[in-house]
Amino acid sequence: MGTLPTISPRRFNPQRSAWLPILHTHRGGRHYTALFSNTPRAHDLGKTHDWVVLYADGGRRERQFTVITSMYGPLAGKRIVRGREDECAAHYGIPVGPPTGRASASTRGA
């Protein structure tokens, strides 16, 4: 631990300290950046060292994903990609019910 370079985020950092670790890596023709979430919600829930924001640049466009530890429902305690809960449930071998048109219980509060 402590081997990644850290940056000084502008938000929620009145002392302007460099506390946010950042990872840059490449795989194939894609560049990835990973860092902990520095959103108001992550701060409110004490998840600034749990939730991870991933950026993937494959040439045509950058994509962003947020990985959280689910707090509710059948995925509680599991690492999931927000917006990809069904695929995450399949990965963990957890049955998924029919869509209800509402936010899934695994994403409430995130």
C-alpha atoms as a PDB file:
ATOM      1  CA  MET A   1       0.000   0.000   0.000  1.00  0.00           C
ATOM      2  CA  GLY A   2       1.106   3.569  -0.582  1.00  0.00           C
ATOM      3  CA  THR A   3       2.939   2.848  -3.841  1.00  0.00           C
ATOM      4  CA  LEU A   4       0.584   4.707  -6.196  1.00  0.00           C
ATOM      5  CA  PRO A   5       1.099   8.389  -6.901  1.00  0.00           C
ATOM      6  CA  THR A   6      -1.449  10.640  -5.229  1.00  0.00           C
ATOM      7  CA  ILE A   7      -3.185  13.727  -6.542  1.00  0.00           C
ATOM      8  CA  SER A   8      -4.738  16.702  -4.812  1.00  0.00           C
ATOM      9  CA  PRO A   9      -8.425  16.771  -5.735  1.00  0.00           C
ATOM     10  CA  ARG A  10     -10.068  20.180  -6.039  1.00  0.00           C
ATOM     11  CA  ARG A  11     -13.344  19.151  -4.417  1.00  0.00           C
ATOM     12  CA  PHE A  12     -13.716  18.333  -0.720  1.00  0.00           C
ATOM     13  CA  ASN A  13     -10.068  19.086  -0.030  1.00  0.00           C
ATOM     14  CA  PRO A  14      -9.731  22.455   1.748  1.00  0.00           C
ATOM     15  CA  GLN A  15      -6.101  21.722   2.746  1.00  0.00           C
ATOM     16  CA  ARG A  16      -5.255  20.875  -0.900  1.00  0.00           C
ATOM     17  CA  SER A  17      -3.437  17.753   0.296  1.00  0.00           C
ATOM     18  CA  ALA A  18      -2.493  15.019  -2.147  1.00  0.00           C
ATOM     19  CA  TRP A  19      -4.513  12.133  -0.708  1.00  0.00           C
ATOM     20  CA  LEU A  20      -6.220  10.548  -3.732  1.00  0.00           C
ATOM     21  CA  PRO A  21      -4.237   7.614  -5.192  1.00  0.00           C
ATOM     22  CA  ILE A  22      -4.431   7.251  -8.956  1.00  0.00           C
ATOM     23  CA  LEU A  23      -3.558   4.332 -11.216  1.00  0.00           C
ATOM     24  CA  HIS A  24      -2.752   4.628 -14.914  1.00  0.00           C
ATOM     25  CA  THR A  25      -2.242   1.461 -16.941  1.00  0.00           C
ATOM     26  CA  HIS A  26      -2.522   0.090 -20.470  1.00  0.00           C
ATOM     27  CA  ARG A  27      -3.885  -3.198 -21.801  1.00  0.00           C
ATOM     28  CA  GLY A  28      -3.846  -3.803 -25.506  1.00  0.00           C
ATOM     29  CA  GLY A  29      -4.783  -0.550 -27.198  1.00  0.00           C
ATOM     30  CA  ARG A  30      -6.743   0.752 -24.218  1.00  0.00           C
ATOM     31  CA  HIS A  31      -5.664   3.164 -21.466  1.00  0.00           C
ATOM     32  CA  TYR A  32      -7.210   2.839 -18.009  1.00  0.00           C
ATOM     33  CA  THR A  33      -7.306   5.241 -15.086  1.00  0.00           C
ATOM     34  CA  ALA A  34      -8.622   4.200 -11.669  1.00  0.00           C
ATOM     35  CA  LEU A  35      -9.157   6.304  -8.584  1.00  0.00           C
ATOM     36  CA  PHE A  36     -11.366   6.358  -5.520  1.00  0.00           C
ATOM     37  CA  SER A  37     -14.663   8.222  -5.846  1.00  0.00           C
ATOM     38  CA  ASN A  38     -14.523  11.809  -4.591  1.00  0.00           C
ATOM     39  CA  THR A  39     -18.231  12.553  -5.009  1.00  0.00           C
ATOM     40  CA  PRO A  40     -20.503  14.158  -2.414  1.00  0.00           C
ATOM     41  CA  ARG A  41     -22.364  10.838  -2.050  1.00  0.00           C
ATOM     42  CA  ALA A  42     -19.145   8.878  -1.459  1.00  0.00           C
ATOM     43  CA  HIS A  43     -18.169  11.375   1.242  1.00  0.00           C
ATOM     44  CA  ASP A  44     -21.648  11.311   2.825  1.00  0.00           C
ATOM     45  CA  LEU A  45     -21.570   7.507   3.077  1.00  0.00           C
ATOM     46  CA  GLY A  46     -17.898   7.222   4.076  1.00  0.00           C
ATOM     47  CA  LYS A  47     -17.051   5.336   0.868  1.00  0.00           C
ATOM     48  CA  THR A  48     -14.140   7.460  -0.398  1.00  0.00           C
ATOM     49  CA  HIS A  49     -11.784   4.499   0.072  1.00  0.00           C
ATOM     50  CA  ASP A  50     -14.236   1.881  -1.200  1.00  0.00           C
ATOM     51  CA  TRP A  51     -15.937   3.150  -4.365  1.00  0.00           C
ATOM     52  CA  VAL A  52     -13.677   3.204  -7.413  1.00  0.00           C
ATOM     53  CA  VAL A  53     -14.154   5.191 -10.604  1.00  0.00           C
ATOM     54  CA  LEU A  54     -12.649   3.605 -13.724  1.00  0.00           C
ATOM     55  CA  TYR A  55     -12.009   5.433 -16.985  1.00  0.00           C
ATOM     56  CA  ALA A  56     -11.304   3.385 -20.111  1.00  0.00           C
ATOM     57  CA  ASP A  57     -10.116   5.057 -23.296  1.00  0.00           C
ATOM     58  CA  GLY A  58     -10.234   2.756 -26.301  1.00  0.00           C
ATOM     59  CA  GLY A  59      -9.576   5.371 -28.946  1.00  0.00           C
ATOM     60  CA  ARG A  60     -13.083   6.290 -30.079  1.00  0.00           C
ATOM     61  CA  ARG A  61     -14.407   7.509 -26.742  1.00  0.00           C
ATOM     62  CA  GLU A  62     -13.725   7.386 -23.051  1.00  0.00           C
ATOM     63  CA  ARG A  63     -16.037   5.282 -20.906  1.00  0.00           C
ATOM     64  CA  GLN A  64     -16.587   5.641 -17.185  1.00  0.00           C
ATOM     65  CA  PHE A  65     -17.611   2.972 -14.689  1.00  0.00           C
ATOM     66  CA  THR A  66     -18.148   3.122 -10.940  1.00  0.00           C
ATOM     67  CA  VAL A  67     -17.438   0.040  -8.845  1.00  0.00           C
ATOM     68  CA  ILE A  68     -19.065  -0.098  -5.422  1.00  0.00           C
ATOM     69  CA  THR A  69     -19.679  -2.566  -2.647  1.00  0.00           C
ATOM     70  CA  SER A  70     -23.431  -3.114  -2.795  1.00  0.00           C
ATOM     71  CA  MET A  71     -25.219  -2.303   0.441  1.00  0.00           C
ATOM     72  CA  TYR A  72     -28.640  -3.848  -0.259  1.00  0.00           C
ATOM     73  CA  GLY A  73     -30.453  -6.792  -1.757  1.00  0.00           C
ATOM     74  CA  PRO A  74     -29.033 -10.076  -2.997  1.00  0.00           C
ATOM     75  CA  LEU A  75     -25.742  -8.405  -3.996  1.00  0.00           C
ATOM     76  CA  ALA A  76     -25.136  -6.887  -0.536  1.00  0.00           C
ATOM     77  CA  GLY A  77     -21.441  -7.054   0.324  1.00  0.00           C
ATOM     78  CA  LYS A  78     -20.430  -7.845  -3.273  1.00  0.00           C
ATOM     79  CA  ARG A  79     -18.353  -5.630  -5.556  1.00  0.00           C
ATOM     80  CA  ILE A  80     -20.530  -4.502  -8.459  1.00  0.00           C
ATOM     81  CA  VAL A  81     -20.349  -2.163 -11.429  1.00  0.00           C
ATOM     82  CA  ARG A  82     -23.128   0.438 -11.193  1.00  0.00           C
ATOM     83  CA  GLY A  83     -25.574   0.034 -14.061  1.00  0.00           C
ATOM     84  CA  ARG A  84     -24.388  -3.526 -14.726  1.00  0.00           C
ATOM     85  CA  GLU A  85     -26.041  -5.192 -11.750  1.00  0.00           C
ATOM     86  CA  ASP A  86     -27.586  -8.014 -13.793  1.00  0.00           C
ATOM     87  CA  GLU A  87     -24.202  -9.002 -15.243  1.00  0.00           C
ATOM     88  CA  CYS A  88     -22.652  -8.806 -11.786  1.00  0.00           C
ATOM     89  CA  ALA A  89     -25.381 -11.030 -10.353  1.00  0.00           C
ATOM     90  CA  ALA A  90     -24.732 -13.538 -13.150  1.00  0.00           C
ATOM     91  CA  HIS A  91     -20.995 -13.413 -12.376  1.00  0.00           C
ATOM     92  CA  TYR A  92     -21.712 -14.237  -8.733  1.00  0.00           C
ATOM     93  CA  GLY A  93     -24.318 -16.881  -9.693  1.00  0.00           C
ATOM     94  CA  ILE A  94     -27.142 -14.929  -8.069  1.00  0.00           C
ATOM     95  CA  PRO A  95     -30.558 -15.226  -9.774  1.00  0.00           C
ATOM     96  CA  VAL A  96     -32.016 -11.957 -11.037  1.00  0.00           C
ATOM     97  CA  GLY A  97     -35.738 -11.289 -10.917  1.00  0.00           C
ATOM     98  CA  PRO A  98     -37.741  -9.622 -13.692  1.00  0.00           C
ATOM     99  CA  PRO A  99     -37.147  -5.886 -14.193  1.00  0.00           C
ATOM    100  CA  THR A 100     -39.476  -3.707 -12.138  1.00  0.00           C
ATOM    101  CA  GLY A 101     -38.792  -0.337 -13.751  1.00  0.00           C
ATOM    102  CA  ARG A 102     -37.331   0.917 -10.456  1.00  0.00           C
ATOM    103  CA  ALA A 103     -33.744   1.220  -9.301  1.00  0.00           C
ATOM    104  CA  SER A 104     -32.614  -2.141  -7.998  1.00  0.00           C
ATOM    105  CA  ALA A 105     -32.166  -2.558  -4.275  1.00  0.00           C
ATOM    106  CA  SER A 106     -28.446  -3.082  -4.837  1.00  0.00           C
ATOM    107  CA  THR A 107     -28.035   0.477  -6.129  1.00  0.00           C
ATOM    108  CA  ARG A 108     -30.123   2.433  -3.675  1.00  0.00           C
ATOM    109  CA  GLY A 109     -28.010   4.907  -1.772  1.00  0.00           C
ATOM    110  CA  ALA A 110     -25.157   4.859  -4.265  1.00  0.00           C
END
